[in-house]
């Protein structure tokens, strides 16, 4: 039970930290990035507007659009990536799902609501969670959380 709790709690904490990072980025150093690096001893990249260094773009495609946030925790096969892209609306999940399945992902779960949509899929090497939702000033966004199967 402890292993399962760790496998679930750690990614949730990382996602929460990465989701507040855009609000903390700016002309000064990102305190969240420093705190996470200090606590984990790992490499952290929070707050870019491009795909983070090392992102497996050829294996885990991202829908075309303006990237409003790109971050990573760790490096190499143990990295966890988070990317937020502006999209046209909740229906973008259909294109995202087709794109990921075209790259070899198997759908594990997903669904649509009036407020957004989700997709969960995996390959032998990667797991991905995509949440499409309305995000105030950014309009509609697709948020990708990508983990290596060796990091899970």
C-alpha atoms as a PDB file:
ATOM      1  CA  UNK A   1       0.000   0.000   0.000  1.00  0.00           C
ATOM      2  CA  UNK A   2       2.867   2.399   0.786  1.00  0.00           C
ATOM      3  CA  UNK A   3       4.377   1.894  -2.683  1.00  0.00           C
ATOM      4  CA  UNK A   4       1.041   2.644  -4.337  1.00  0.00           C
ATOM      5  CA  UNK A   5       0.577   5.730  -2.161  1.00  0.00           C
ATOM      6  CA  UNK A   6       4.076   6.966  -3.137  1.00  0.00           C
ATOM      7  CA  UNK A   7       3.429   6.272  -6.841  1.00  0.00           C
ATOM      8  CA  UNK A   8       0.231   8.330  -6.676  1.00  0.00           C
ATOM      9  CA  UNK A   9       1.243  11.061  -4.202  1.00  0.00           C
ATOM     10  CA  UNK A  10       4.567  12.027  -5.800  1.00  0.00           C
ATOM     11  CA  UNK A  11       3.137  12.747  -9.273  1.00  0.00           C
ATOM     12  CA  UNK A  12       0.239  14.694  -7.730  1.00  0.00           C
ATOM     13  CA  UNK A  13       2.675  16.863  -5.737  1.00  0.00           C
ATOM     14  CA  UNK A  14       4.765  17.425  -8.855  1.00  0.00           C
ATOM     15  CA  UNK A  15       1.709  18.352 -10.930  1.00  0.00           C
ATOM     16  CA  UNK A  16       0.555  20.795  -8.257  1.00  0.00           C
ATOM     17  CA  UNK A  17       3.997  22.398  -8.077  1.00  0.00           C
ATOM     18  CA  UNK A  18       4.188  22.632 -11.857  1.00  0.00           C
ATOM     19  CA  UNK A  19       0.689  24.105 -12.095  1.00  0.00           C
ATOM     20  CA  UNK A  20       1.543  27.027  -9.792  1.00  0.00           C
ATOM     21  CA  UNK A  21       4.912  27.612 -11.440  1.00  0.00           C
ATOM     22  CA  UNK A  22       3.540  29.751 -14.313  1.00  0.00           C
ATOM     23  CA  UNK A  23       2.228  32.238 -11.768  1.00  0.00           C
ATOM     24  CA  UNK A  24       5.633  32.452 -10.136  1.00  0.00           C
ATOM     25  CA  UNK A  25       7.765  32.851 -13.244  1.00  0.00           C
ATOM     26  CA  UNK A  26       8.934  36.246 -14.324  1.00  0.00           C
ATOM     27  CA  UNK A  27      12.032  38.389 -14.249  1.00  0.00           C
ATOM     28  CA  UNK A  28      13.199  36.951 -10.950  1.00  0.00           C
ATOM     29  CA  UNK A  29      14.366  33.427 -10.133  1.00  0.00           C
ATOM     30  CA  UNK A  30      11.666  30.846  -9.649  1.00  0.00           C
ATOM     31  CA  UNK A  31      11.561  29.926  -5.933  1.00  0.00           C
ATOM     32  CA  UNK A  32       9.491  26.775  -6.591  1.00  0.00           C
ATOM     33  CA  UNK A  33      12.172  25.456  -8.945  1.00  0.00           C
ATOM     34  CA  UNK A  34      14.884  26.023  -6.321  1.00  0.00           C
ATOM     35  CA  UNK A  35      12.809  24.410  -3.563  1.00  0.00           C
ATOM     36  CA  UNK A  36      12.035  21.320  -5.655  1.00  0.00           C
ATOM     37  CA  UNK A  37      15.669  20.968  -6.781  1.00  0.00           C
ATOM     38  CA  UNK A  38      16.827  21.254  -3.173  1.00  0.00           C
ATOM     39  CA  UNK A  39      14.269  18.754  -1.892  1.00  0.00           C
ATOM     40  CA  UNK A  40      14.751  16.175  -4.613  1.00  0.00           C
ATOM     41  CA  UNK A  41      18.382  16.743  -5.558  1.00  0.00           C
ATOM     42  CA  UNK A  42      17.133  16.507  -9.124  1.00  0.00           C
ATOM     43  CA  UNK A  43      17.104  18.659 -12.203  1.00  0.00           C
ATOM     44  CA  UNK A  44      14.070  20.932 -12.475  1.00  0.00           C
ATOM     45  CA  UNK A  45      13.056  23.161 -15.378  1.00  0.00           C
ATOM     46  CA  UNK A  46       9.956  25.253 -14.656  1.00  0.00           C
ATOM     47  CA  UNK A  47       8.535  28.099 -16.609  1.00  0.00           C
ATOM     48  CA  UNK A  48       9.512  27.937 -20.252  1.00  0.00           C
ATOM     49  CA  UNK A  49       7.264  28.708 -23.198  1.00  0.00           C
ATOM     50  CA  UNK A  50       8.768  25.951 -25.332  1.00  0.00           C
ATOM     51  CA  UNK A  51       8.986  22.210 -24.938  1.00  0.00           C
ATOM     52  CA  UNK A  52      11.362  21.530 -22.041  1.00  0.00           C
ATOM     53  CA  UNK A  53      14.840  20.190 -22.764  1.00  0.00           C
ATOM     54  CA  UNK A  54      14.761  16.460 -23.364  1.00  0.00           C
ATOM     55  CA  UNK A  55      11.018  16.282 -24.108  1.00  0.00           C
ATOM     56  CA  UNK A  56      10.438  13.150 -26.263  1.00  0.00           C
ATOM     57  CA  UNK A  57       8.637  15.020 -29.059  1.00  0.00           C
ATOM     58  CA  UNK A  58       9.148  12.244 -31.628  1.00  0.00           C
ATOM     59  CA  UNK A  59       7.547   9.683 -29.293  1.00  0.00           C
ATOM     60  CA  UNK A  60       4.951  11.840 -27.501  1.00  0.00           C
ATOM     61  CA  UNK A  61       3.612  14.429 -29.961  1.00  0.00           C
ATOM     62  CA  UNK A  62       2.043  17.673 -28.765  1.00  0.00           C
ATOM     63  CA  UNK A  63      -0.808  19.362 -30.623  1.00  0.00           C
ATOM     64  CA  UNK A  64       0.142  22.456 -32.624  1.00  0.00           C
ATOM     65  CA  UNK A  65      -0.464  25.673 -30.734  1.00  0.00           C
ATOM     66  CA  UNK A  66       1.152  28.299 -28.568  1.00  0.00           C
ATOM     67  CA  UNK A  67       2.978  26.730 -25.627  1.00  0.00           C
ATOM     68  CA  UNK A  68       2.153  28.752 -22.529  1.00  0.00           C
ATOM     69  CA  UNK A  69       4.139  26.561 -20.129  1.00  0.00           C
ATOM     70  CA  UNK A  70       6.758  23.859 -20.413  1.00  0.00           C
ATOM     71  CA  UNK A  71       8.561  22.244 -17.513  1.00  0.00           C
ATOM     72  CA  UNK A  72      10.415  19.115 -16.486  1.00  0.00           C
ATOM     73  CA  UNK A  73      11.470  17.380 -13.316  1.00  0.00           C
ATOM     74  CA  UNK A  74      14.459  15.081 -13.487  1.00  0.00           C
ATOM     75  CA  UNK A  75      16.348  14.121 -16.588  1.00  0.00           C
ATOM     76  CA  UNK A  76      16.917  11.181 -18.869  1.00  0.00           C
ATOM     77  CA  UNK A  77      14.600   8.213 -18.565  1.00  0.00           C
ATOM     78  CA  UNK A  78      13.389   9.352 -15.125  1.00  0.00           C
ATOM     79  CA  UNK A  79      12.083  12.736 -16.258  1.00  0.00           C
ATOM     80  CA  UNK A  80       8.514  13.931 -15.853  1.00  0.00           C
ATOM     81  CA  UNK A  81       7.341  16.583 -18.319  1.00  0.00           C
ATOM     82  CA  UNK A  82       4.470  19.044 -18.145  1.00  0.00           C
ATOM     83  CA  UNK A  83       3.416  21.126 -21.161  1.00  0.00           C
ATOM     84  CA  UNK A  84       0.428  23.443 -21.571  1.00  0.00           C
ATOM     85  CA  UNK A  85      -0.668  24.425 -25.097  1.00  0.00           C
ATOM     86  CA  UNK A  86      -3.432  26.796 -26.225  1.00  0.00           C
ATOM     87  CA  UNK A  87      -6.145  24.944 -28.179  1.00  0.00           C
ATOM     88  CA  UNK A  88      -9.398  25.896 -29.889  1.00  0.00           C
ATOM     89  CA  UNK A  89     -11.750  24.219 -27.415  1.00  0.00           C
ATOM     90  CA  UNK A  90     -12.687  20.962 -25.682  1.00  0.00           C
ATOM     91  CA  UNK A  91     -13.022  19.214 -29.043  1.00  0.00           C
ATOM     92  CA  UNK A  92      -9.215  19.455 -29.437  1.00  0.00           C
ATOM     93  CA  UNK A  93      -9.096  16.229 -27.407  1.00  0.00           C
ATOM     94  CA  UNK A  94     -10.195  14.347 -30.559  1.00  0.00           C
ATOM     95  CA  UNK A  95      -7.133  15.563 -32.490  1.00  0.00           C
ATOM     96  CA  UNK A  96      -4.862  14.937 -29.486  1.00  0.00           C
ATOM     97  CA  UNK A  97      -6.171  11.384 -29.083  1.00  0.00           C
ATOM     98  CA  UNK A  98      -5.742  10.658 -32.822  1.00  0.00           C
ATOM     99  CA  UNK A  99      -2.232  12.114 -32.772  1.00  0.00           C
ATOM    100  CA  UNK A 100      -1.168  10.065 -29.739  1.00  0.00           C
ATOM    101  CA  UNK A 101      -2.758   6.849 -31.023  1.00  0.00           C
ATOM    102  CA  UNK A 102      -0.974   7.471 -34.340  1.00  0.00           C
ATOM    103  CA  UNK A 103       2.283   7.570 -32.357  1.00  0.00           C
ATOM    104  CA  UNK A 104       1.508   4.157 -30.834  1.00  0.00           C
ATOM    105  CA  UNK A 105      -0.333   5.064 -27.633  1.00  0.00           C
ATOM    106  CA  UNK A 106      -3.019   2.761 -26.287  1.00  0.00           C
ATOM    107  CA  UNK A 107      -5.966   4.567 -24.724  1.00  0.00           C
ATOM    108  CA  UNK A 108      -6.483   3.644 -21.074  1.00  0.00           C
ATOM    109  CA  UNK A 109      -9.203   6.139 -20.138  1.00  0.00           C
ATOM    110  CA  UNK A 110     -10.707   9.455 -21.084  1.00  0.00           C
ATOM    111  CA  UNK A 111     -13.889  11.347 -21.563  1.00  0.00           C
ATOM    112  CA  UNK A 112     -15.615  14.609 -22.346  1.00  0.00           C
ATOM    113  CA  UNK A 113     -17.727  16.972 -20.286  1.00  0.00           C
ATOM    114  CA  UNK A 114     -19.101  20.428 -21.028  1.00  0.00           C
ATOM    115  CA  UNK A 115     -16.140  21.842 -19.082  1.00  0.00           C
ATOM    116  CA  UNK A 116     -13.382  19.924 -20.855  1.00  0.00           C
ATOM    117  CA  UNK A 117     -11.975  16.537 -21.670  1.00  0.00           C
ATOM    118  CA  UNK A 118      -9.283  14.055 -20.636  1.00  0.00           C
ATOM    119  CA  UNK A 119      -7.131  11.411 -22.261  1.00  0.00           C
ATOM    120  CA  UNK A 120      -4.922   8.822 -20.550  1.00  0.00           C
ATOM    121  CA  UNK A 121      -2.727   6.565 -22.647  1.00  0.00           C
ATOM    122  CA  UNK A 122       0.548   4.724 -22.702  1.00  0.00           C
ATOM    123  CA  UNK A 123       3.187   2.994 -24.784  1.00  0.00           C
ATOM    124  CA  UNK A 124       5.897   0.657 -23.545  1.00  0.00           C
ATOM    125  CA  UNK A 125       8.091   3.710 -22.888  1.00  0.00           C
ATOM    126  CA  UNK A 126       5.694   6.556 -21.941  1.00  0.00           C
ATOM    127  CA  UNK A 127       2.527   7.357 -20.049  1.00  0.00           C
ATOM    128  CA  UNK A 128       0.531  10.505 -20.798  1.00  0.00           C
ATOM    129  CA  UNK A 129      -2.357  12.339 -19.161  1.00  0.00           C
ATOM    130  CA  UNK A 130      -3.907  15.180 -21.179  1.00  0.00           C
ATOM    131  CA  UNK A 131      -6.515  17.498 -19.674  1.00  0.00           C
ATOM    132  CA  UNK A 132      -8.274  20.015 -21.926  1.00  0.00           C
ATOM    133  CA  UNK A 133      -9.984  22.822 -20.025  1.00  0.00           C
ATOM    134  CA  UNK A 134     -10.816  26.504 -20.118  1.00  0.00           C
ATOM    135  CA  UNK A 135      -8.116  28.595 -18.461  1.00  0.00           C
ATOM    136  CA  UNK A 136      -9.253  32.191 -17.992  1.00  0.00           C
ATOM    137  CA  UNK A 137      -6.895  34.541 -19.819  1.00  0.00           C
ATOM    138  CA  UNK A 138      -5.375  31.730 -21.919  1.00  0.00           C
ATOM    139  CA  UNK A 139      -8.719  30.500 -23.243  1.00  0.00           C
ATOM    140  CA  UNK A 140      -8.763  26.754 -23.846  1.00  0.00           C
ATOM    141  CA  UNK A 141      -5.602  24.799 -23.071  1.00  0.00           C
ATOM    142  CA  UNK A 142      -4.395  21.218 -23.252  1.00  0.00           C
ATOM    143  CA  UNK A 143      -2.147  20.229 -20.360  1.00  0.00           C
ATOM    144  CA  UNK A 144       0.111  17.218 -20.978  1.00  0.00           C
ATOM    145  CA  UNK A 145       1.776  15.336 -18.132  1.00  0.00           C
ATOM    146  CA  UNK A 146       4.247  12.838 -19.578  1.00  0.00           C
ATOM    147  CA  UNK A 147       6.138  10.237 -17.565  1.00  0.00           C
ATOM    148  CA  UNK A 148       8.622   7.589 -18.558  1.00  0.00           C
ATOM    149  CA  UNK A 149       7.487   4.077 -17.666  1.00  0.00           C
ATOM    150  CA  UNK A 150      10.853   3.697 -15.915  1.00  0.00           C
ATOM    151  CA  UNK A 151       9.912   6.673 -13.670  1.00  0.00           C
ATOM    152  CA  UNK A 152       6.530   5.230 -12.636  1.00  0.00           C
END
